Amino acid sequence: MLKKTKYMAIVDKSRDLQLEDVKGIISHVNEYTYLGVRITKDGNHEPEMNDGINRGRAAITKLNSILWDRDVTVM
C-alpha cells in the first residue's frame, strides 16, 4: 500500500484509485496545499486568501501602534 501518495481532483465525484500493476491504492483527499496555498475539492482557495489578508491586517495594526506612538522620540 502506498502511504504517501494522494491526489485531489476538482470534480463532483472522486474515489480512491486502485493500481493495476502494483498492489496499492492512491487515496483521494478533499483539500491540498499547492505552493503554500490550500485548495479545496471544489477549487475554492478563498479561505486561505482571507487568512492571509487577516494576518496582514494584524501586522499593519501592530506596526501602526509602533510608528504612530507619540511617546517615542526619533533621533
C-alpha atoms as a PDB file:
ATOM      1  CA  MET A   1       0.000   0.000   0.000  1.00  0.00           C
ATOM      2  CA  LEU A   2       1.308   3.444  -0.913  1.00  0.00           C
ATOM      3  CA  LYS A   3       1.171   5.623   2.191  1.00  0.00           C
ATOM      4  CA  LYS A   4       2.459   8.970   0.898  1.00  0.00           C
ATOM      5  CA  THR A   5       0.771   9.169  -2.489  1.00  0.00           C
ATOM      6  CA  LYS A   6      -2.537  11.032  -2.520  1.00  0.00           C
ATOM      7  CA  TYR A   7      -4.424  13.029  -5.106  1.00  0.00           C
ATOM      8  CA  MET A   8      -7.171  15.601  -5.364  1.00  0.00           C
ATOM      9  CA  ALA A   9      -9.499  16.131  -8.295  1.00  0.00           C
ATOM     10  CA  ILE A  10     -11.724  19.147  -8.717  1.00  0.00           C
ATOM     11  CA  VAL A  11     -14.837  17.227  -9.737  1.00  0.00           C
ATOM     12  CA  ASP A  12     -18.144  16.179  -8.196  1.00  0.00           C
ATOM     13  CA  LYS A  13     -17.291  12.520  -7.600  1.00  0.00           C
ATOM     14  CA  SER A  14     -13.856  11.268  -6.671  1.00  0.00           C
ATOM     15  CA  ARG A  15     -12.694   7.982  -5.264  1.00  0.00           C
ATOM     16  CA  ASP A  16      -9.522   6.181  -4.306  1.00  0.00           C
ATOM     17  CA  LEU A  17      -7.622   4.760  -7.274  1.00  0.00           C
ATOM     18  CA  GLN A  18      -6.730   1.076  -7.397  1.00  0.00           C
ATOM     19  CA  LEU A  19      -3.412   0.422  -9.163  1.00  0.00           C
ATOM     20  CA  GLU A  20      -3.293  -2.495 -11.591  1.00  0.00           C
ATOM     21  CA  ASP A  21       0.445  -3.205 -11.821  1.00  0.00           C
ATOM     22  CA  VAL A  22       1.281  -2.636  -8.181  1.00  0.00           C
ATOM     23  CA  LYS A  23      -0.935  -3.751  -5.371  1.00  0.00           C
ATOM     24  CA  GLY A  24      -1.808  -0.423  -3.868  1.00  0.00           C
ATOM     25  CA  ILE A  25      -4.299   2.375  -3.596  1.00  0.00           C
ATOM     26  CA  ILE A  26      -3.831   6.089  -4.248  1.00  0.00           C
ATOM     27  CA  SER A  27      -6.017   7.901  -1.737  1.00  0.00           C
ATOM     28  CA  HIS A  28      -8.268  10.816  -2.600  1.00  0.00           C
ATOM     29  CA  VAL A  29      -8.139  13.972  -0.426  1.00  0.00           C
ATOM     30  CA  ASN A  30     -10.637  16.831  -0.129  1.00  0.00           C
ATOM     31  CA  GLU A  31      -8.065  19.596   0.214  1.00  0.00           C
ATOM     32  CA  TYR A  32      -4.482  20.010  -0.931  1.00  0.00           C
ATOM     33  CA  THR A  33      -1.729  22.553  -0.367  1.00  0.00           C
ATOM     34  CA  TYR A  34      -0.026  23.655  -3.582  1.00  0.00           C
ATOM     35  CA  LEU A  35       2.762  26.249  -3.477  1.00  0.00           C
ATOM     36  CA  GLY A  36       1.685  27.183   0.038  1.00  0.00           C
ATOM     37  CA  VAL A  37      -1.983  27.746  -0.882  1.00  0.00           C
ATOM     38  CA  ARG A  38      -4.678  25.443   0.444  1.00  0.00           C
ATOM     39  CA  ILE A  39      -7.181  24.482  -2.265  1.00  0.00           C
ATOM     40  CA  THR A  40     -10.397  22.604  -1.575  1.00  0.00           C
ATOM     41  CA  LYS A  41     -12.094  19.923  -3.666  1.00  0.00           C
ATOM     42  CA  ASP A  42     -14.446  22.461  -5.227  1.00  0.00           C
ATOM     43  CA  GLY A  43     -11.479  24.592  -6.372  1.00  0.00           C
ATOM     44  CA  ASN A  44     -12.032  27.250  -3.730  1.00  0.00           C
ATOM     45  CA  HIS A  45      -8.980  28.922  -2.200  1.00  0.00           C
ATOM     46  CA  GLU A  46     -10.728  31.930  -0.646  1.00  0.00           C
ATOM     47  CA  PRO A  47     -10.410  30.723   2.988  1.00  0.00           C
ATOM     48  CA  GLU A  48      -6.624  30.634   2.552  1.00  0.00           C
ATOM     49  CA  MET A  49      -6.628  34.087   0.950  1.00  0.00           C
ATOM     50  CA  ASN A  50      -8.807  35.513   3.727  1.00  0.00           C
ATOM     51  CA  ASP A  51      -6.442  34.093   6.351  1.00  0.00           C
ATOM     52  CA  GLY A  52      -3.522  35.855   4.640  1.00  0.00           C
ATOM     53  CA  ILE A  53      -5.419  39.139   4.475  1.00  0.00           C
ATOM     54  CA  ASN A  54      -6.288  38.924   8.173  1.00  0.00           C
ATOM     55  CA  ARG A  55      -2.660  38.165   9.115  1.00  0.00           C
ATOM     56  CA  GLY A  56      -1.555  41.174   7.065  1.00  0.00           C
ATOM     57  CA  ARG A  57      -4.083  43.446   8.756  1.00  0.00           C
ATOM     58  CA  ALA A  58      -2.915  42.281  12.178  1.00  0.00           C
ATOM     59  CA  ALA A  59       0.710  43.021  11.251  1.00  0.00           C
ATOM     60  CA  ILE A  60      -0.172  46.517   9.963  1.00  0.00           C
ATOM     61  CA  THR A  61      -2.100  47.237  13.161  1.00  0.00           C
ATOM     62  CA  LYS A  62       0.918  46.293  15.262  1.00  0.00           C
ATOM     63  CA  LEU A  63       3.253  48.370  13.082  1.00  0.00           C
ATOM     64  CA  ASN A  64       0.939  51.394  13.205  1.00  0.00           C
ATOM     65  CA  SER A  65       0.930  51.306  17.005  1.00  0.00           C
ATOM     66  CA  ILE A  66       4.751  51.487  16.920  1.00  0.00           C
ATOM     67  CA  LEU A  67       5.100  54.012  14.085  1.00  0.00           C
ATOM     68  CA  TRP A  68       2.490  56.458  15.308  1.00  0.00           C
ATOM     69  CA  ASP A  69       3.285  56.294  19.038  1.00  0.00           C
ATOM     70  CA  ARG A  70       3.742  59.928  20.188  1.00  0.00           C
ATOM     71  CA  ASP A  71       5.931  58.974  23.170  1.00  0.00           C
ATOM     72  CA  VAL A  72       8.748  57.579  21.003  1.00  0.00           C
ATOM     73  CA  THR A  73      11.490  60.035  20.071  1.00  0.00           C
ATOM     74  CA  VAL A  74      13.292  59.661  16.761  1.00  0.00           C
ATOM     75  CA  MET A  75      16.965  60.577  16.590  1.00  0.00           C
END
